[in-house]
């Protein structure tokens, strides 16, 4: 039987290490190219959702002379959350995972994990309609864009890269050091490689990426990015709990539930959120969004409801974040 192992960017603090990924039968979603045109692109996107995860398979993680063992979940997902107290330089480090086949080791893959640089700031950003133009307000338009436009033709909001780069370097006094970025989205793990490639193409800060439960069929594909968004609250909560000594800048948009999720985060972690940025996706600002942001302001968290990223940049300068 052929296996395919997909690893995602992990992260580590002074006490614990987190690494996660999926194991598949035959092909992982990232084996289908993102740069083809027309029907070939449409076919590649659909194939990303026609995958077969493997459950209860044994995996071994190797990092800095240590080894840990686990097994995949029912949907092929695995996560190592293990003690790790060795001294480790800040930056990105390589790890290795091996998928065991019966009585011998099978496929080996290498991934990366982040040890944050010393800083006071962490940045957590949504993806769709926060930096990637996705038309989440319109189900059919979003589906059309996903199926018809390859990664080279998808668009990014103007000046968003300048804002994110400034946030990445805020408070850092060396070229190498940067603040830690996390991209959290209701897109599924099927689209992980698309997000990585899009971010690299546009020179966005390198980030740990956290997505929604993987989907495994055409009917699931039709519902991509929809449904309950509570997983985003849990993932943002996990990040802040893992790095509790940081203040966070949270970025999202008004097309889904970002503002409500971030309000809950502010109430849960009243000392950890410095500022919240919500992108306006329609022609007019939404009264409901403004009401929630006013309530967040009452918790001593600065907010910015903006149409273009220059407004967000101006706000960050006024707060002396950048």
C-alpha atoms as a PDB file:
ATOM      1  CA  UNK A   1       0.000   0.000   0.000  1.00  0.00           C
ATOM      2  CA  UNK A   2       1.260   3.467  -0.894  1.00  0.00           C
ATOM      3  CA  UNK A   3       1.322   6.090   1.872  1.00  0.00           C
ATOM      4  CA  UNK A   4       1.579   9.867   1.654  1.00  0.00           C
ATOM      5  CA  UNK A   5       2.503  11.912   4.696  1.00  0.00           C
ATOM      6  CA  UNK A   6       1.770  15.635   4.934  1.00  0.00           C
ATOM      7  CA  UNK A   7       3.455  17.684   7.678  1.00  0.00           C
ATOM      8  CA  UNK A   8       2.555  21.208   8.770  1.00  0.00           C
ATOM      9  CA  UNK A   9       4.595  23.887  10.517  1.00  0.00           C
ATOM     10  CA  UNK A  10       4.829  23.157  14.219  1.00  0.00           C
ATOM     11  CA  UNK A  11       5.918  25.262  17.169  1.00  0.00           C
ATOM     12  CA  UNK A  12       7.709  25.011  20.503  1.00  0.00           C
ATOM     13  CA  UNK A  13       8.124  26.994  23.721  1.00  0.00           C
ATOM     14  CA  UNK A  14      10.481  26.409  26.652  1.00  0.00           C
ATOM     15  CA  UNK A  15       8.543  23.391  27.946  1.00  0.00           C
ATOM     16  CA  UNK A  16       6.542  21.796  25.157  1.00  0.00           C
ATOM     17  CA  UNK A  17       6.633  20.968  21.450  1.00  0.00           C
ATOM     18  CA  UNK A  18       3.673  20.683  19.050  1.00  0.00           C
ATOM     19  CA  UNK A  19       3.851  18.970  15.641  1.00  0.00           C
ATOM     20  CA  UNK A  20       0.891  17.901  13.500  1.00  0.00           C
ATOM     21  CA  UNK A  21      -0.054  16.562  10.074  1.00  0.00           C
ATOM     22  CA  UNK A  22      -2.092  14.000   8.109  1.00  0.00           C
ATOM     23  CA  UNK A  23      -1.460  10.537   6.718  1.00  0.00           C
ATOM     24  CA  UNK A  24      -3.124   9.489   3.444  1.00  0.00           C
ATOM     25  CA  UNK A  25      -3.558   6.469   1.245  1.00  0.00           C
ATOM     26  CA  UNK A  26      -2.113   7.168  -2.217  1.00  0.00           C
ATOM     27  CA  UNK A  27      -1.911  10.993  -2.564  1.00  0.00           C
ATOM     28  CA  UNK A  28      -1.962  13.947  -0.180  1.00  0.00           C
ATOM     29  CA  UNK A  29      -3.755  17.129  -1.347  1.00  0.00           C
ATOM     30  CA  UNK A  30      -0.453  18.917  -2.018  1.00  0.00           C
ATOM     31  CA  UNK A  31       0.403  16.518  -4.860  1.00  0.00           C
ATOM     32  CA  UNK A  32      -1.975  18.374  -7.205  1.00  0.00           C
ATOM     33  CA  UNK A  33      -0.431  21.436  -8.874  1.00  0.00           C
ATOM     34  CA  UNK A  34      -1.779  24.919  -8.232  1.00  0.00           C
ATOM     35  CA  UNK A  35      -0.497  26.694 -11.351  1.00  0.00           C
ATOM     36  CA  UNK A  36      -2.458  24.970 -14.119  1.00  0.00           C
ATOM     37  CA  UNK A  37      -5.075  26.745 -16.187  1.00  0.00           C
ATOM     38  CA  UNK A  38      -8.717  26.133 -17.036  1.00  0.00           C
ATOM     39  CA  UNK A  39     -10.166  22.676 -16.527  1.00  0.00           C
ATOM     40  CA  UNK A  40      -6.805  21.314 -15.313  1.00  0.00           C
ATOM     41  CA  UNK A  41      -6.895  23.758 -12.388  1.00  0.00           C
ATOM     42  CA  UNK A  42     -10.530  22.903 -11.627  1.00  0.00           C
ATOM     43  CA  UNK A  43      -9.653  19.206 -11.645  1.00  0.00           C
ATOM     44  CA  UNK A  44      -6.676  19.759  -9.321  1.00  0.00           C
ATOM     45  CA  UNK A  45      -8.815  21.630  -6.767  1.00  0.00           C
ATOM     46  CA  UNK A  46     -11.495  18.918  -6.805  1.00  0.00           C
ATOM     47  CA  UNK A  47      -8.863  16.198  -6.414  1.00  0.00           C
ATOM     48  CA  UNK A  48      -7.572  17.949  -3.307  1.00  0.00           C
ATOM     49  CA  UNK A  49     -10.889  17.029  -1.679  1.00  0.00           C
ATOM     50  CA  UNK A  50     -11.006  13.454  -2.996  1.00  0.00           C
ATOM     51  CA  UNK A  51      -8.450  12.073  -0.596  1.00  0.00           C
ATOM     52  CA  UNK A  52      -8.356   9.013   1.672  1.00  0.00           C
ATOM     53  CA  UNK A  53      -6.940   9.608   5.151  1.00  0.00           C
ATOM     54  CA  UNK A  54      -5.629   6.638   7.094  1.00  0.00           C
ATOM     55  CA  UNK A  55      -6.626   6.059  10.723  1.00  0.00           C
ATOM     56  CA  UNK A  56      -4.736   4.379  13.572  1.00  0.00           C
ATOM     57  CA  UNK A  57      -1.370   4.234  11.780  1.00  0.00           C
ATOM     58  CA  UNK A  58       1.798   4.371  13.820  1.00  0.00           C
ATOM     59  CA  UNK A  59       4.014   7.458  13.478  1.00  0.00           C
ATOM     60  CA  UNK A  60       7.371   8.377  15.000  1.00  0.00           C
ATOM     61  CA  UNK A  61       8.599  11.939  15.538  1.00  0.00           C
ATOM     62  CA  UNK A  62      12.339  12.653  15.665  1.00  0.00           C
ATOM     63  CA  UNK A  63      13.743  15.971  16.857  1.00  0.00           C
ATOM     64  CA  UNK A  64      17.108  16.922  18.379  1.00  0.00           C
ATOM     65  CA  UNK A  65      17.975  13.372  19.396  1.00  0.00           C
ATOM     66  CA  UNK A  66      14.570  12.565  20.882  1.00  0.00           C
ATOM     67  CA  UNK A  67      11.874  10.204  19.606  1.00  0.00           C
ATOM     68  CA  UNK A  68       8.136  10.018  20.284  1.00  0.00           C
ATOM     69  CA  UNK A  69       5.421   7.661  19.004  1.00  0.00           C
ATOM     70  CA  UNK A  70       1.709   8.159  18.315  1.00  0.00           C
ATOM     71  CA  UNK A  71      -1.054   6.960  15.936  1.00  0.00           C
ATOM     72  CA  UNK A  72      -3.325   8.835  13.528  1.00  0.00           C
ATOM     73  CA  UNK A  73      -6.894   9.790  14.391  1.00  0.00           C
ATOM     74  CA  UNK A  74      -9.943   8.576  12.454  1.00  0.00           C
ATOM     75  CA  UNK A  75      -9.527  11.340   9.841  1.00  0.00           C
ATOM     76  CA  UNK A  76      -5.814  10.679   9.374  1.00  0.00           C
ATOM     77  CA  UNK A  77      -4.839  13.660  11.536  1.00  0.00           C
ATOM     78  CA  UNK A  78      -2.084  13.353  14.113  1.00  0.00           C
ATOM     79  CA  UNK A  79      -0.649  15.695  16.690  1.00  0.00           C
ATOM     80  CA  UNK A  80       2.371  15.314  18.931  1.00  0.00           C
ATOM     81  CA  UNK A  81       2.142  17.516  22.044  1.00  0.00           C
ATOM     82  CA  UNK A  82       5.188  16.464  24.025  1.00  0.00           C
ATOM     83  CA  UNK A  83       7.497  17.806  26.763  1.00  0.00           C
ATOM     84  CA  UNK A  84      10.623  19.485  25.414  1.00  0.00           C
ATOM     85  CA  UNK A  85      12.932  21.514  27.647  1.00  0.00           C
ATOM     86  CA  UNK A  86      16.207  21.494  25.702  1.00  0.00           C
ATOM     87  CA  UNK A  87      17.792  24.840  24.881  1.00  0.00           C
ATOM     88  CA  UNK A  88      16.854  25.810  21.354  1.00  0.00           C
ATOM     89  CA  UNK A  89      17.833  28.787  19.230  1.00  0.00           C
ATOM     90  CA  UNK A  90      15.063  31.084  18.042  1.00  0.00           C
ATOM     91  CA  UNK A  91      13.899  30.547  14.477  1.00  0.00           C
ATOM     92  CA  UNK A  92      12.772  27.642  12.292  1.00  0.00           C
ATOM     93  CA  UNK A  93      14.033  24.101  12.922  1.00  0.00           C
ATOM     94  CA  UNK A  94      13.675  20.880  10.941  1.00  0.00           C
ATOM     95  CA  UNK A  95      11.924  17.832  12.379  1.00  0.00           C
ATOM     96  CA  UNK A  96      11.249  14.377  10.906  1.00  0.00           C
ATOM     97  CA  UNK A  97       8.221  12.061  11.018  1.00  0.00           C
ATOM     98  CA  UNK A  98       8.225   8.421   9.949  1.00  0.00           C
ATOM     99  CA  UNK A  99       5.043   6.462   9.128  1.00  0.00           C
ATOM    100  CA  UNK A 100       5.505   2.818  10.092  1.00  0.00           C
ATOM    101  CA  UNK A 101       4.268   0.070   7.735  1.00  0.00           C
ATOM    102  CA  UNK A 102       3.626  -3.273   9.450  1.00  0.00           C
ATOM    103  CA  UNK A 103       6.986  -4.499  10.743  1.00  0.00           C
ATOM    104  CA  UNK A 104       9.180  -1.945   8.971  1.00  0.00           C
ATOM    105  CA  UNK A 105       9.393   1.807   8.574  1.00  0.00           C
ATOM    106  CA  UNK A 106       7.795   3.244   5.471  1.00  0.00           C
ATOM    107  CA  UNK A 107       7.584   6.878   4.412  1.00  0.00           C
ATOM    108  CA  UNK A 108       9.787   9.617   5.899  1.00  0.00           C
ATOM    109  CA  UNK A 109       9.020  13.341   5.680  1.00  0.00           C
ATOM    110  CA  UNK A 110      10.683  16.460   7.060  1.00  0.00           C
ATOM    111  CA  UNK A 111       8.848  19.517   8.383  1.00  0.00           C
ATOM    112  CA  UNK A 112       9.600  22.768  10.204  1.00  0.00           C
ATOM    113  CA  UNK A 113       8.753  24.100  13.618  1.00  0.00           C
ATOM    114  CA  UNK A 114       9.088  27.587  15.101  1.00  0.00           C
ATOM    115  CA  UNK A 115      10.865  28.683  18.255  1.00  0.00           C
ATOM    116  CA  UNK A 116       9.801  32.350  18.488  1.00  0.00           C
ATOM    117  CA  UNK A 117      12.333  35.134  18.725  1.00  0.00           C
ATOM    118  CA  UNK A 118      12.290  37.236  21.875  1.00  0.00           C
ATOM    119  CA  UNK A 119       9.515  39.763  21.476  1.00  0.00           C
ATOM    120  CA  UNK A 120       6.502  41.336  23.135  1.00  0.00           C
ATOM    121  CA  UNK A 121       4.179  40.822  20.189  1.00  0.00           C
ATOM    122  CA  UNK A 122       2.443  37.950  18.385  1.00  0.00           C
ATOM    123  CA  UNK A 123       0.238  38.347  15.308  1.00  0.00           C
ATOM    124  CA  UNK A 124      -2.771  36.140  14.538  1.00  0.00           C
ATOM    125  CA  UNK A 125      -4.492  36.685  11.205  1.00  0.00           C
ATOM    126  CA  UNK A 126      -7.452  35.222   9.371  1.00  0.00           C
ATOM    127  CA  UNK A 127      -6.838  34.442   5.669  1.00  0.00           C
ATOM    128  CA  UNK A 128      -9.933  34.653   3.432  1.00  0.00           C
ATOM    129  CA  UNK A 129     -10.913  38.283   2.830  1.00  0.00           C
ATOM    130  CA  UNK A 130      -8.367  39.426   5.399  1.00  0.00           C
ATOM    131  CA  UNK A 131      -5.366  39.240   3.070  1.00  0.00           C
ATOM    132  CA  UNK A 132      -6.556  36.854   0.316  1.00  0.00           C
ATOM    133  CA  UNK A 133      -9.509  38.178  -1.726  1.00  0.00           C
ATOM    134  CA  UNK A 134     -12.009  35.299  -1.541  1.00  0.00           C
ATOM    135  CA  UNK A 135     -15.560  36.767  -1.748  1.00  0.00           C
ATOM    136  CA  UNK A 136     -16.737  34.860   1.322  1.00  0.00           C
ATOM    137  CA  UNK A 137     -19.936  36.949   1.366  1.00  0.00           C
ATOM    138  CA  UNK A 138     -21.044  35.245  -1.857  1.00  0.00           C
ATOM    139  CA  UNK A 139     -21.039  31.425  -1.832  1.00  0.00           C
ATOM    140  CA  UNK A 140     -21.232  31.011  -5.614  1.00  0.00           C
ATOM    141  CA  UNK A 141     -18.631  33.695  -6.364  1.00  0.00           C
ATOM    142  CA  UNK A 142     -16.222  32.208  -3.840  1.00  0.00           C
ATOM    143  CA  UNK A 143     -16.659  28.761  -5.405  1.00  0.00           C
ATOM    144  CA  UNK A 144     -16.231  30.154  -8.914  1.00  0.00           C
ATOM    145  CA  UNK A 145     -13.006  31.985  -8.011  1.00  0.00           C
ATOM    146  CA  UNK A 146     -11.582  28.908  -6.280  1.00  0.00           C
ATOM    147  CA  UNK A 147     -12.310  26.658  -9.272  1.00  0.00           C
ATOM    148  CA  UNK A 148     -11.405  29.050 -12.071  1.00  0.00           C
ATOM    149  CA  UNK A 149      -8.381  31.019 -10.831  1.00  0.00           C
ATOM    150  CA  UNK A 150      -5.102  29.298 -10.057  1.00  0.00           C
ATOM    151  CA  UNK A 151      -2.691  30.512  -7.389  1.00  0.00           C
ATOM    152  CA  UNK A 152      -1.018  32.912  -9.846  1.00  0.00           C
ATOM    153  CA  UNK A 153      -4.321  34.652 -10.608  1.00  0.00           C
ATOM    154  CA  UNK A 154      -5.661  35.006  -7.070  1.00  0.00           C
ATOM    155  CA  UNK A 155      -5.446  38.525  -5.651  1.00  0.00           C
ATOM    156  CA  UNK A 156      -4.229  40.078  -2.431  1.00  0.00           C
ATOM    157  CA  UNK A 157      -5.502  43.295  -0.857  1.00  0.00           C
ATOM    158  CA  UNK A 158      -3.445  46.384  -1.623  1.00  0.00           C
ATOM    159  CA  UNK A 159      -0.850  47.376   1.010  1.00  0.00           C
ATOM    160  CA  UNK A 160      -1.635  44.386   3.259  1.00  0.00           C
ATOM    161  CA  UNK A 161       1.929  43.072   2.778  1.00  0.00           C
ATOM    162  CA  UNK A 162       3.382  46.398   3.962  1.00  0.00           C
ATOM    163  CA  UNK A 163       1.259  46.221   7.126  1.00  0.00           C
ATOM    164  CA  UNK A 164       2.165  42.605   7.878  1.00  0.00           C
ATOM    165  CA  UNK A 165       5.872  43.174   7.264  1.00  0.00           C
ATOM    166  CA  UNK A 166       5.819  46.175   9.605  1.00  0.00           C
ATOM    167  CA  UNK A 167       4.067  44.092  12.276  1.00  0.00           C
ATOM    168  CA  UNK A 168       6.601  41.315  11.768  1.00  0.00           C
ATOM    169  CA  UNK A 169       9.539  43.645  12.456  1.00  0.00           C
ATOM    170  CA  UNK A 170       7.906  45.771  15.175  1.00  0.00           C
ATOM    171  CA  UNK A 171      10.232  46.080  18.172  1.00  0.00           C
ATOM    172  CA  UNK A 172      12.939  43.904  16.596  1.00  0.00           C
ATOM    173  CA  UNK A 173      16.441  45.322  16.270  1.00  0.00           C
ATOM    174  CA  UNK A 174      18.033  42.728  13.983  1.00  0.00           C
ATOM    175  CA  UNK A 175      17.441  41.671  10.391  1.00  0.00           C
ATOM    176  CA  UNK A 176      16.998  38.017  11.296  1.00  0.00           C
ATOM    177  CA  UNK A 177      14.588  38.393  14.214  1.00  0.00           C
ATOM    178  CA  UNK A 178      10.854  38.776  13.686  1.00  0.00           C
ATOM    179  CA  UNK A 179       7.598  38.589  15.613  1.00  0.00           C
ATOM    180  CA  UNK A 180       5.711  35.313  15.363  1.00  0.00           C
ATOM    181  CA  UNK A 181       2.843  35.062  12.855  1.00  0.00           C
ATOM    182  CA  UNK A 182      -0.054  32.605  12.923  1.00  0.00           C
ATOM    183  CA  UNK A 183      -2.629  32.258  10.122  1.00  0.00           C
ATOM    184  CA  UNK A 184      -5.913  30.766  11.351  1.00  0.00           C
ATOM    185  CA  UNK A 185      -8.739  30.087   8.903  1.00  0.00           C
ATOM    186  CA  UNK A 186     -12.004  28.227   8.287  1.00  0.00           C
ATOM    187  CA  UNK A 187     -10.478  26.868   5.096  1.00  0.00           C
ATOM    188  CA  UNK A 188      -9.760  23.158   5.386  1.00  0.00           C
ATOM    189  CA  UNK A 189      -6.393  21.403   5.618  1.00  0.00           C
ATOM    190  CA  UNK A 190      -6.956  20.364   1.982  1.00  0.00           C
ATOM    191  CA  UNK A 191      -5.903  23.914   0.985  1.00  0.00           C
ATOM    192  CA  UNK A 192      -2.795  24.171   3.165  1.00  0.00           C
ATOM    193  CA  UNK A 193      -0.283  24.104   0.300  1.00  0.00           C
ATOM    194  CA  UNK A 194      -2.299  26.717  -1.619  1.00  0.00           C
ATOM    195  CA  UNK A 195      -2.100  29.080   1.369  1.00  0.00           C
ATOM    196  CA  UNK A 196       1.644  28.470   1.838  1.00  0.00           C
ATOM    197  CA  UNK A 197       2.370  29.075  -1.851  1.00  0.00           C
ATOM    198  CA  UNK A 198       0.169  32.183  -2.025  1.00  0.00           C
ATOM    199  CA  UNK A 199       1.830  33.671   1.074  1.00  0.00           C
ATOM    200  CA  UNK A 200       5.312  32.982  -0.309  1.00  0.00           C
ATOM    201  CA  UNK A 201       4.446  34.462  -3.720  1.00  0.00           C
ATOM    202  CA  UNK A 202       3.404  37.728  -2.097  1.00  0.00           C
ATOM    203  CA  UNK A 203       6.235  37.808   0.461  1.00  0.00           C
ATOM    204  CA  UNK A 204       3.932  37.653   3.479  1.00  0.00           C
ATOM    205  CA  UNK A 205       5.597  36.772   6.808  1.00  0.00           C
ATOM    206  CA  UNK A 206       6.249  33.072   7.259  1.00  0.00           C
ATOM    207  CA  UNK A 207       3.659  31.703   9.674  1.00  0.00           C
ATOM    208  CA  UNK A 208       2.395  28.704  11.556  1.00  0.00           C
ATOM    209  CA  UNK A 209      -0.912  27.848   9.827  1.00  0.00           C
ATOM    210  CA  UNK A 210      -3.988  26.357  11.511  1.00  0.00           C
ATOM    211  CA  UNK A 211      -6.967  25.257   9.433  1.00  0.00           C
ATOM    212  CA  UNK A 212     -10.273  23.417   9.712  1.00  0.00           C
ATOM    213  CA  UNK A 213     -10.841  19.635   9.791  1.00  0.00           C
ATOM    214  CA  UNK A 214      -9.927  17.970   6.509  1.00  0.00           C
ATOM    215  CA  UNK A 215     -12.658  17.104   4.013  1.00  0.00           C
ATOM    216  CA  UNK A 216     -12.751  13.925   1.969  1.00  0.00           C
ATOM    217  CA  UNK A 217     -15.364  14.158  -0.788  1.00  0.00           C
ATOM    218  CA  UNK A 218     -17.092  16.268  -3.441  1.00  0.00           C
ATOM    219  CA  UNK A 219     -20.112  16.979  -1.229  1.00  0.00           C
ATOM    220  CA  UNK A 220     -17.717  18.243   1.452  1.00  0.00           C
ATOM    221  CA  UNK A 221     -15.927  20.394  -1.134  1.00  0.00           C
ATOM    222  CA  UNK A 222     -19.176  22.238  -1.975  1.00  0.00           C
ATOM    223  CA  UNK A 223     -19.342  23.328   1.674  1.00  0.00           C
ATOM    224  CA  UNK A 224     -15.709  24.436   1.904  1.00  0.00           C
ATOM    225  CA  UNK A 225     -15.130  27.278   4.382  1.00  0.00           C
ATOM    226  CA  UNK A 226     -18.707  27.142   5.629  1.00  0.00           C
ATOM    227  CA  UNK A 227     -20.363  25.849   8.790  1.00  0.00           C
ATOM    228  CA  UNK A 228     -19.354  26.372  12.392  1.00  0.00           C
ATOM    229  CA  UNK A 229     -16.371  28.655  13.015  1.00  0.00           C
ATOM    230  CA  UNK A 230     -15.878  27.739  16.681  1.00  0.00           C
ATOM    231  CA  UNK A 231     -12.699  25.841  15.791  1.00  0.00           C
ATOM    232  CA  UNK A 232     -11.076  29.242  15.121  1.00  0.00           C
ATOM    233  CA  UNK A 233     -11.761  30.326  18.690  1.00  0.00           C
ATOM    234  CA  UNK A 234     -10.165  27.110  19.973  1.00  0.00           C
ATOM    235  CA  UNK A 235      -7.110  27.498  17.752  1.00  0.00           C
ATOM    236  CA  UNK A 236      -6.544  31.156  18.696  1.00  0.00           C
ATOM    237  CA  UNK A 237      -7.040  30.173  22.337  1.00  0.00           C
ATOM    238  CA  UNK A 238      -4.428  27.398  21.961  1.00  0.00           C
ATOM    239  CA  UNK A 239      -1.873  29.844  20.547  1.00  0.00           C
ATOM    240  CA  UNK A 240      -2.339  32.413  23.300  1.00  0.00           C
ATOM    241  CA  UNK A 241      -2.253  29.708  25.990  1.00  0.00           C
ATOM    242  CA  UNK A 242       0.975  28.342  24.511  1.00  0.00           C
ATOM    243  CA  UNK A 243       2.654  31.768  24.466  1.00  0.00           C
ATOM    244  CA  UNK A 244       0.910  33.567  27.367  1.00  0.00           C
ATOM    245  CA  UNK A 245       3.604  36.224  27.843  1.00  0.00           C
ATOM    246  CA  UNK A 246       2.918  37.892  24.489  1.00  0.00           C
ATOM    247  CA  UNK A 247       0.518  40.648  23.563  1.00  0.00           C
ATOM    248  CA  UNK A 248      -1.381  39.875  20.372  1.00  0.00           C
ATOM    249  CA  UNK A 249      -2.560  41.765  17.332  1.00  0.00           C
ATOM    250  CA  UNK A 250      -5.607  40.023  15.837  1.00  0.00           C
ATOM    251  CA  UNK A 251      -6.606  40.586  12.197  1.00  0.00           C
ATOM    252  CA  UNK A 252      -9.824  39.497  10.490  1.00  0.00           C
ATOM    253  CA  UNK A 253     -12.720  40.699   8.366  1.00  0.00           C
ATOM    254  CA  UNK A 254     -16.448  41.306   8.611  1.00  0.00           C
ATOM    255  CA  UNK A 255     -17.583  38.581   6.180  1.00  0.00           C
ATOM    256  CA  UNK A 256     -17.931  35.823   8.790  1.00  0.00           C
ATOM    257  CA  UNK A 257     -17.499  35.505  12.568  1.00  0.00           C
ATOM    258  CA  UNK A 258     -14.046  36.976  13.204  1.00  0.00           C
ATOM    259  CA  UNK A 259     -15.201  39.910  15.309  1.00  0.00           C
ATOM    260  CA  UNK A 260     -17.315  37.693  17.577  1.00  0.00           C
ATOM    261  CA  UNK A 261     -14.471  35.187  17.967  1.00  0.00           C
ATOM    262  CA  UNK A 262     -12.046  37.967  18.841  1.00  0.00           C
ATOM    263  CA  UNK A 263     -14.507  39.440  21.344  1.00  0.00           C
ATOM    264  CA  UNK A 264     -14.588  36.073  23.121  1.00  0.00           C
ATOM    265  CA  UNK A 265     -10.783  35.974  23.072  1.00  0.00           C
ATOM    266  CA  UNK A 266     -10.610  39.432  24.690  1.00  0.00           C
ATOM    267  CA  UNK A 267     -13.001  38.325  27.423  1.00  0.00           C
ATOM    268  CA  UNK A 268     -11.024  35.125  27.999  1.00  0.00           C
ATOM    269  CA  UNK A 269      -7.572  36.761  27.918  1.00  0.00           C
ATOM    270  CA  UNK A 270      -8.106  40.340  29.153  1.00  0.00           C
ATOM    271  CA  UNK A 271      -4.361  41.063  29.355  1.00  0.00           C
ATOM    272  CA  UNK A 272      -3.199  39.516  26.086  1.00  0.00           C
ATOM    273  CA  UNK A 273      -4.835  41.429  23.223  1.00  0.00           C
ATOM    274  CA  UNK A 274      -3.322  44.756  22.217  1.00  0.00           C
ATOM    275  CA  UNK A 275      -5.284  45.558  19.084  1.00  0.00           C
ATOM    276  CA  UNK A 276      -7.896  44.146  16.699  1.00  0.00           C
ATOM    277  CA  UNK A 277      -8.172  44.910  12.972  1.00  0.00           C
ATOM    278  CA  UNK A 278     -11.338  44.078  11.033  1.00  0.00           C
ATOM    279  CA  UNK A 279     -11.420  44.564   7.264  1.00  0.00           C
ATOM    280  CA  UNK A 280     -14.610  45.964   5.752  1.00  0.00           C
ATOM    281  CA  UNK A 281     -15.535  43.698   2.817  1.00  0.00           C
ATOM    282  CA  UNK A 282     -18.711  45.434   1.592  1.00  0.00           C
ATOM    283  CA  UNK A 283     -19.580  48.944   0.472  1.00  0.00           C
ATOM    284  CA  UNK A 284     -20.782  49.975   3.934  1.00  0.00           C
ATOM    285  CA  UNK A 285     -19.625  49.241   7.455  1.00  0.00           C
ATOM    286  CA  UNK A 286     -21.917  46.894   9.368  1.00  0.00           C
ATOM    287  CA  UNK A 287     -23.634  48.267  12.468  1.00  0.00           C
ATOM    288  CA  UNK A 288     -23.402  44.894  14.217  1.00  0.00           C
ATOM    289  CA  UNK A 289     -19.628  44.854  13.727  1.00  0.00           C
ATOM    290  CA  UNK A 290     -19.295  48.410  15.069  1.00  0.00           C
ATOM    291  CA  UNK A 291     -21.296  47.492  18.177  1.00  0.00           C
ATOM    292  CA  UNK A 292     -19.053  44.528  18.943  1.00  0.00           C
ATOM    293  CA  UNK A 293     -15.924  46.604  18.370  1.00  0.00           C
ATOM    294  CA  UNK A 294     -17.248  49.270  20.741  1.00  0.00           C
ATOM    295  CA  UNK A 295     -17.687  46.596  23.382  1.00  0.00           C
ATOM    296  CA  UNK A 296     -14.137  45.364  22.763  1.00  0.00           C
ATOM    297  CA  UNK A 297     -12.878  48.958  23.184  1.00  0.00           C
ATOM    298  CA  UNK A 298     -14.537  48.992  26.629  1.00  0.00           C
ATOM    299  CA  UNK A 299     -12.170  46.126  27.533  1.00  0.00           C
ATOM    300  CA  UNK A 300      -9.194  48.443  26.867  1.00  0.00           C
ATOM    301  CA  UNK A 301      -8.371  46.845  23.511  1.00  0.00           C
ATOM    302  CA  UNK A 302      -7.811  49.201  20.605  1.00  0.00           C
ATOM    303  CA  UNK A 303      -9.771  48.398  17.430  1.00  0.00           C
ATOM    304  CA  UNK A 304      -9.718  49.458  13.790  1.00  0.00           C
ATOM    305  CA  UNK A 305     -12.533  48.802  11.288  1.00  0.00           C
ATOM    306  CA  UNK A 306     -10.901  49.598   7.969  1.00  0.00           C
ATOM    307  CA  UNK A 307     -11.579  49.474   4.236  1.00  0.00           C
ATOM    308  CA  UNK A 308      -7.972  49.601   3.030  1.00  0.00           C
ATOM    309  CA  UNK A 309      -4.725  48.599   4.683  1.00  0.00           C
ATOM    310  CA  UNK A 310      -3.342  52.155   4.709  1.00  0.00           C
ATOM    311  CA  UNK A 311      -5.938  52.934   7.390  1.00  0.00           C
ATOM    312  CA  UNK A 312      -4.733  49.938   9.397  1.00  0.00           C
ATOM    313  CA  UNK A 313      -1.101  51.007   8.982  1.00  0.00           C
ATOM    314  CA  UNK A 314      -1.959  54.515  10.189  1.00  0.00           C
ATOM    315  CA  UNK A 315      -3.720  53.066  13.237  1.00  0.00           C
ATOM    316  CA  UNK A 316      -0.717  50.826  14.081  1.00  0.00           C
ATOM    317  CA  UNK A 317       1.584  53.843  13.875  1.00  0.00           C
ATOM    318  CA  UNK A 318      -0.682  55.891  16.139  1.00  0.00           C
ATOM    319  CA  UNK A 319      -0.624  53.041  18.690  1.00  0.00           C
ATOM    320  CA  UNK A 320       3.167  52.917  18.277  1.00  0.00           C
ATOM    321  CA  UNK A 321       2.957  49.224  17.428  1.00  0.00           C
ATOM    322  CA  UNK A 322       4.985  49.895  14.275  1.00  0.00           C
END
